[in-house]
Every structure is written in structure tokens, then in C-alpha cells.
N, C-alpha and C. Protein backbone atom coordinates (compact mmCIF):
# COMPACT_ATOMS: atom_id res chain seq x y z
N MET A 1 -46.21 -44.09 -88.75
CA MET A 1 -45.08 -44.94 -89.03
C MET A 1 -45.63 -46.26 -89.59
N LEU A 2 -45.05 -46.70 -90.66
CA LEU A 2 -45.46 -47.95 -91.27
C LEU A 2 -44.97 -49.13 -90.45
N ALA A 3 -45.63 -50.25 -90.60
CA ALA A 3 -45.27 -51.45 -89.84
C ALA A 3 -43.86 -51.92 -90.17
N SER A 4 -43.46 -51.80 -91.45
CA SER A 4 -42.10 -52.23 -91.83
C SER A 4 -41.05 -51.31 -91.24
N GLU A 5 -41.35 -50.00 -91.19
CA GLU A 5 -40.41 -49.05 -90.58
C GLU A 5 -40.27 -49.32 -89.09
N ARG A 6 -41.40 -49.59 -88.45
CA ARG A 6 -41.36 -49.88 -87.02
C ARG A 6 -40.58 -51.16 -86.75
N SER A 7 -40.77 -52.16 -87.55
CA SER A 7 -40.05 -53.43 -87.39
C SER A 7 -38.55 -53.22 -87.58
N SER A 8 -38.20 -52.41 -88.58
CA SER A 8 -36.78 -52.10 -88.83
C SER A 8 -36.20 -51.31 -87.66
N TRP A 9 -36.98 -50.35 -87.15
CA TRP A 9 -36.53 -49.54 -86.02
C TRP A 9 -36.34 -50.42 -84.78
N ASP A 10 -37.27 -51.34 -84.52
CA ASP A 10 -37.17 -52.24 -83.38
C ASP A 10 -35.95 -53.16 -83.50
N ALA A 11 -35.67 -53.63 -84.72
CA ALA A 11 -34.50 -54.49 -84.94
C ALA A 11 -33.22 -53.70 -84.68
N GLY A 12 -33.17 -52.48 -85.17
CA GLY A 12 -31.99 -51.63 -84.94
C GLY A 12 -31.80 -51.33 -83.47
N ARG A 13 -32.92 -51.05 -82.80
CA ARG A 13 -32.86 -50.78 -81.35
C ARG A 13 -32.38 -52.01 -80.59
N SER A 14 -32.81 -53.18 -80.99
CA SER A 14 -32.39 -54.42 -80.36
C SER A 14 -30.89 -54.65 -80.53
N ILE A 15 -30.38 -54.35 -81.72
CA ILE A 15 -28.93 -54.50 -81.98
C ILE A 15 -28.14 -53.53 -81.12
N ILE A 16 -28.61 -52.29 -81.06
CA ILE A 16 -27.92 -51.28 -80.25
C ILE A 16 -27.94 -51.68 -78.78
N GLN A 17 -29.07 -52.16 -78.30
CA GLN A 17 -29.17 -52.58 -76.90
C GLN A 17 -28.23 -53.74 -76.62
N SER A 18 -28.14 -54.68 -77.55
CA SER A 18 -27.23 -55.82 -77.40
C SER A 18 -25.78 -55.36 -77.34
N ASP A 19 -25.42 -54.42 -78.23
CA ASP A 19 -24.06 -53.87 -78.23
C ASP A 19 -23.76 -53.14 -76.93
N LEU A 20 -24.74 -52.39 -76.45
CA LEU A 20 -24.57 -51.65 -75.20
C LEU A 20 -24.38 -52.60 -74.03
N ASP A 21 -25.14 -53.69 -74.00
CA ASP A 21 -24.99 -54.68 -72.94
C ASP A 21 -23.60 -55.33 -72.97
N ALA A 22 -23.10 -55.61 -74.18
CA ALA A 22 -21.77 -56.20 -74.32
C ALA A 22 -20.69 -55.24 -73.82
N ILE A 23 -20.85 -53.96 -74.14
CA ILE A 23 -19.88 -52.95 -73.69
C ILE A 23 -19.91 -52.83 -72.17
N ARG A 24 -21.10 -52.82 -71.60
CA ARG A 24 -21.21 -52.74 -70.13
C ARG A 24 -20.55 -53.94 -69.46
N GLN A 25 -20.71 -55.11 -70.06
CA GLN A 25 -20.09 -56.31 -69.51
C GLN A 25 -18.57 -56.21 -69.57
N LYS A 26 -18.04 -55.70 -70.69
CA LYS A 26 -16.58 -55.54 -70.81
C LYS A 26 -16.06 -54.52 -69.81
N VAL A 27 -16.77 -53.41 -69.64
CA VAL A 27 -16.36 -52.39 -68.67
C VAL A 27 -16.37 -52.97 -67.27
N SER A 28 -17.37 -53.75 -66.95
CA SER A 28 -17.44 -54.38 -65.63
C SER A 28 -16.26 -55.31 -65.42
N HIS A 29 -15.91 -56.07 -66.45
CA HIS A 29 -14.76 -56.99 -66.35
C HIS A 29 -13.46 -56.21 -66.13
N VAL A 30 -13.28 -55.12 -66.87
CA VAL A 30 -12.07 -54.30 -66.73
C VAL A 30 -12.00 -53.70 -65.33
N LYS A 31 -13.11 -53.20 -64.83
CA LYS A 31 -13.12 -52.61 -63.48
C LYS A 31 -12.77 -53.66 -62.43
N LYS A 32 -13.30 -54.86 -62.58
CA LYS A 32 -13.00 -55.94 -61.64
C LYS A 32 -11.51 -56.27 -61.69
N PHE A 33 -10.94 -56.34 -62.89
CA PHE A 33 -9.51 -56.60 -63.05
C PHE A 33 -8.68 -55.50 -62.39
N GLN A 34 -9.09 -54.24 -62.58
CA GLN A 34 -8.36 -53.12 -61.99
C GLN A 34 -8.38 -53.20 -60.47
N VAL A 35 -9.52 -53.53 -59.89
CA VAL A 35 -9.63 -53.64 -58.43
C VAL A 35 -8.72 -54.76 -57.92
N GLU A 36 -8.74 -55.91 -58.60
CA GLU A 36 -7.89 -57.03 -58.18
C GLU A 36 -6.41 -56.67 -58.30
N ALA A 37 -6.03 -56.01 -59.39
CA ALA A 37 -4.64 -55.61 -59.58
C ALA A 37 -4.22 -54.59 -58.51
N PHE A 38 -5.10 -53.65 -58.19
CA PHE A 38 -4.80 -52.65 -57.17
C PHE A 38 -4.59 -53.32 -55.81
N GLN A 39 -5.45 -54.29 -55.49
CA GLN A 39 -5.32 -54.98 -54.21
C GLN A 39 -4.02 -55.78 -54.16
N GLN A 40 -3.65 -56.43 -55.26
CA GLN A 40 -2.40 -57.19 -55.29
C GLN A 40 -1.20 -56.25 -55.16
N ASN A 41 -1.28 -55.08 -55.80
CA ASN A 41 -0.20 -54.10 -55.68
C ASN A 41 -0.04 -53.63 -54.24
N LYS A 42 -1.17 -53.46 -53.53
CA LYS A 42 -1.09 -53.06 -52.12
C LYS A 42 -0.41 -54.14 -51.29
N VAL A 43 -0.72 -55.41 -51.57
CA VAL A 43 -0.09 -56.52 -50.85
C VAL A 43 1.41 -56.53 -51.13
N ASP A 44 1.78 -56.39 -52.41
CA ASP A 44 3.20 -56.39 -52.78
C ASP A 44 3.94 -55.22 -52.14
N LEU A 45 3.31 -54.05 -52.15
CA LEU A 45 3.93 -52.87 -51.55
C LEU A 45 4.13 -53.06 -50.05
N THR A 46 3.17 -53.65 -49.38
CA THR A 46 3.29 -53.91 -47.95
C THR A 46 4.47 -54.84 -47.67
N LYS A 47 4.63 -55.87 -48.50
CA LYS A 47 5.77 -56.78 -48.33
C LYS A 47 7.09 -56.05 -48.54
N MET A 48 7.14 -55.19 -49.56
CA MET A 48 8.37 -54.43 -49.83
C MET A 48 8.68 -53.49 -48.66
N GLN A 49 7.66 -52.82 -48.14
CA GLN A 49 7.87 -51.91 -47.03
C GLN A 49 8.36 -52.66 -45.79
N LYS A 50 7.84 -53.85 -45.57
CA LYS A 50 8.28 -54.65 -44.43
C LYS A 50 9.75 -55.03 -44.58
N LEU A 51 10.13 -55.46 -45.79
CA LEU A 51 11.54 -55.80 -46.03
C LEU A 51 12.44 -54.60 -45.80
N TYR A 52 12.03 -53.44 -46.32
CA TYR A 52 12.83 -52.23 -46.16
C TYR A 52 12.96 -51.87 -44.69
N LYS A 53 11.86 -51.94 -43.96
CA LYS A 53 11.90 -51.59 -42.54
C LYS A 53 12.82 -52.54 -41.78
N GLU A 54 12.70 -53.85 -42.05
CA GLU A 54 13.56 -54.82 -41.37
C GLU A 54 15.03 -54.59 -41.71
N ALA A 55 15.32 -54.29 -42.97
CA ALA A 55 16.70 -54.05 -43.38
C ALA A 55 17.24 -52.79 -42.71
N THR A 56 16.42 -51.76 -42.63
CA THR A 56 16.86 -50.51 -42.00
C THR A 56 17.12 -50.71 -40.52
N ILE A 57 16.24 -51.41 -39.84
CA ILE A 57 16.43 -51.68 -38.41
C ILE A 57 17.70 -52.48 -38.19
N GLN A 58 17.92 -53.49 -39.02
CA GLN A 58 19.12 -54.32 -38.88
C GLN A 58 20.39 -53.49 -39.11
N GLU A 59 20.37 -52.65 -40.14
CA GLU A 59 21.55 -51.84 -40.45
C GLU A 59 21.89 -50.89 -39.31
N TYR A 60 20.89 -50.18 -38.82
CA TYR A 60 21.17 -49.17 -37.80
C TYR A 60 21.35 -49.76 -36.41
N SER A 61 20.91 -50.99 -36.20
CA SER A 61 21.17 -51.61 -34.91
C SER A 61 22.64 -52.00 -34.78
N GLN A 62 23.33 -52.08 -35.91
CA GLN A 62 24.76 -52.37 -35.90
C GLN A 62 25.59 -51.09 -35.79
N GLY A 63 24.93 -49.96 -35.80
CA GLY A 63 25.63 -48.70 -35.60
C GLY A 63 26.05 -48.00 -36.87
N TYR A 64 25.82 -48.58 -38.02
CA TYR A 64 26.18 -47.93 -39.29
C TYR A 64 25.32 -48.54 -40.40
N PRO A 65 25.12 -47.80 -41.46
CA PRO A 65 24.34 -48.35 -42.57
C PRO A 65 25.16 -49.36 -43.37
N ASN A 66 24.67 -50.58 -43.48
CA ASN A 66 25.35 -51.64 -44.23
C ASN A 66 25.16 -51.55 -45.72
N VAL A 67 24.27 -50.72 -46.18
CA VAL A 67 23.92 -50.74 -47.59
C VAL A 67 24.99 -50.12 -48.48
N TYR A 68 25.97 -49.47 -47.90
CA TYR A 68 27.05 -48.91 -48.71
C TYR A 68 28.11 -49.96 -48.98
N LYS A 69 28.66 -49.93 -50.20
CA LYS A 69 29.88 -50.68 -50.50
C LYS A 69 31.03 -49.74 -50.13
N GLY A 70 32.17 -50.20 -50.03
CA GLY A 70 33.34 -49.32 -49.91
C GLY A 70 33.34 -48.44 -48.68
N GLN A 71 34.54 -48.17 -48.21
CA GLN A 71 34.70 -47.41 -46.98
C GLN A 71 34.33 -45.95 -47.16
N ASP A 72 34.56 -45.41 -48.36
CA ASP A 72 34.33 -43.99 -48.54
C ASP A 72 32.95 -43.67 -49.13
N HIS A 73 32.10 -44.65 -49.26
CA HIS A 73 30.72 -44.47 -49.71
C HIS A 73 30.62 -43.98 -51.15
N ARG A 74 31.70 -44.06 -51.94
CA ARG A 74 31.66 -43.58 -53.32
C ARG A 74 31.29 -44.67 -54.32
N GLU A 75 31.24 -45.90 -53.89
CA GLU A 75 31.00 -46.98 -54.84
C GLU A 75 29.51 -47.29 -55.00
N GLY A 76 28.65 -46.61 -54.33
CA GLY A 76 27.22 -46.78 -54.52
C GLY A 76 26.59 -47.71 -53.50
N TRP A 77 25.37 -48.08 -53.78
CA TRP A 77 24.58 -48.89 -52.86
C TRP A 77 24.80 -50.37 -53.11
N ASN A 78 24.83 -51.15 -52.04
CA ASN A 78 24.91 -52.59 -52.15
C ASN A 78 23.49 -53.14 -52.14
N THR A 79 22.95 -53.34 -53.32
CA THR A 79 21.56 -53.80 -53.42
C THR A 79 21.47 -55.30 -53.57
N VAL A 80 22.58 -55.99 -53.66
CA VAL A 80 22.55 -57.43 -53.91
C VAL A 80 21.80 -58.17 -52.82
N SER A 81 22.10 -57.87 -51.56
CA SER A 81 21.43 -58.59 -50.48
C SER A 81 19.95 -58.24 -50.42
N LEU A 82 19.60 -57.00 -50.68
CA LEU A 82 18.20 -56.62 -50.68
C LEU A 82 17.45 -57.28 -51.82
N LEU A 83 18.07 -57.37 -53.01
CA LEU A 83 17.43 -58.04 -54.14
C LEU A 83 17.22 -59.51 -53.83
N GLY A 84 18.18 -60.12 -53.15
CA GLY A 84 18.04 -61.53 -52.77
C GLY A 84 16.84 -61.73 -51.86
N GLU A 85 16.64 -60.83 -50.92
CA GLU A 85 15.50 -60.93 -50.01
C GLU A 85 14.18 -60.74 -50.76
N ILE A 86 14.18 -59.80 -51.70
CA ILE A 86 12.97 -59.58 -52.49
C ILE A 86 12.65 -60.81 -53.32
N ARG A 87 13.67 -61.41 -53.92
CA ARG A 87 13.45 -62.62 -54.72
C ARG A 87 12.86 -63.75 -53.86
N GLU A 88 13.30 -63.85 -52.61
CA GLU A 88 12.79 -64.90 -51.72
C GLU A 88 11.30 -64.75 -51.45
N THR A 89 10.79 -63.53 -51.47
CA THR A 89 9.37 -63.32 -51.22
C THR A 89 8.53 -63.67 -52.43
N GLY A 90 9.16 -63.76 -53.59
CA GLY A 90 8.41 -64.05 -54.81
C GLY A 90 7.81 -62.82 -55.45
N LEU A 91 8.16 -61.64 -54.96
CA LEU A 91 7.64 -60.41 -55.55
C LEU A 91 8.34 -60.13 -56.88
N PRO A 92 7.65 -59.49 -57.80
CA PRO A 92 8.32 -59.11 -59.04
C PRO A 92 9.34 -58.01 -58.76
N ILE A 93 10.47 -58.07 -59.44
CA ILE A 93 11.52 -57.08 -59.23
C ILE A 93 11.49 -56.09 -60.38
N PRO A 94 11.31 -54.79 -60.08
CA PRO A 94 11.30 -53.78 -61.14
C PRO A 94 12.63 -53.79 -61.89
N SER A 95 12.56 -53.56 -63.19
CA SER A 95 13.78 -53.58 -64.00
C SER A 95 14.75 -52.49 -63.56
N SER A 96 14.25 -51.40 -62.99
CA SER A 96 15.14 -50.33 -62.54
C SER A 96 16.01 -50.77 -61.37
N PHE A 97 15.60 -51.81 -60.63
CA PHE A 97 16.41 -52.33 -59.53
C PHE A 97 17.56 -53.18 -60.05
N VAL A 98 17.38 -53.80 -61.20
CA VAL A 98 18.35 -54.76 -61.70
C VAL A 98 19.43 -54.09 -62.53
N THR A 99 19.06 -53.05 -63.28
CA THR A 99 20.02 -52.39 -64.17
C THR A 99 20.92 -51.45 -63.44
């Protein structure tokens, strides 16, 4: 191998190594973000489960489920009070809850 070919090969190898290091750094950053997001989702889910449990206990301690509107249960669920409680916690509200 000629000296110029070896120098060119070393330069190319250096560029590839630099690109590989940059990709590894980006992957590490994405993995860290995913872990943090997963942990935050677990915290949010725990808060939602606590609200649901408290609401269920309160409803059934009164002897009937309060979440229904209307006497005949045909008008659907009364989610207004539950949404208010969720808003008080500062949790994000899924769009499917609002529509």
C-alpha cells in the first residue's frame, strides 16, 4: 500500500469513526429521553389510577354509581367532575376524554 493510499484510508476511517461516535451519542440521548418519558408516564398513570380509585370508592360508598347522568342511565357518563379533578392535578387530558 502506498503512503498516499494509507493516508487517504486513515482519513476516511477517521471520518467514519467520527460519524459513528455522533450516531452513538444521538442514540444515547434518545434512549435517555425515552426512559425519562416512560418514568413520567408511570407517575401520571399512578395519579390517574388514584383519582379513579377515590372516585369509585366515593360513588359506591353512597350506594349507587354517581357517574351516570339521568335516572335511566341512557344519557351517558358524567365525566365533567372527573375531568375537573384531573385538571386540578395538572395532568394532561387525552383528547378522547374531551370530545
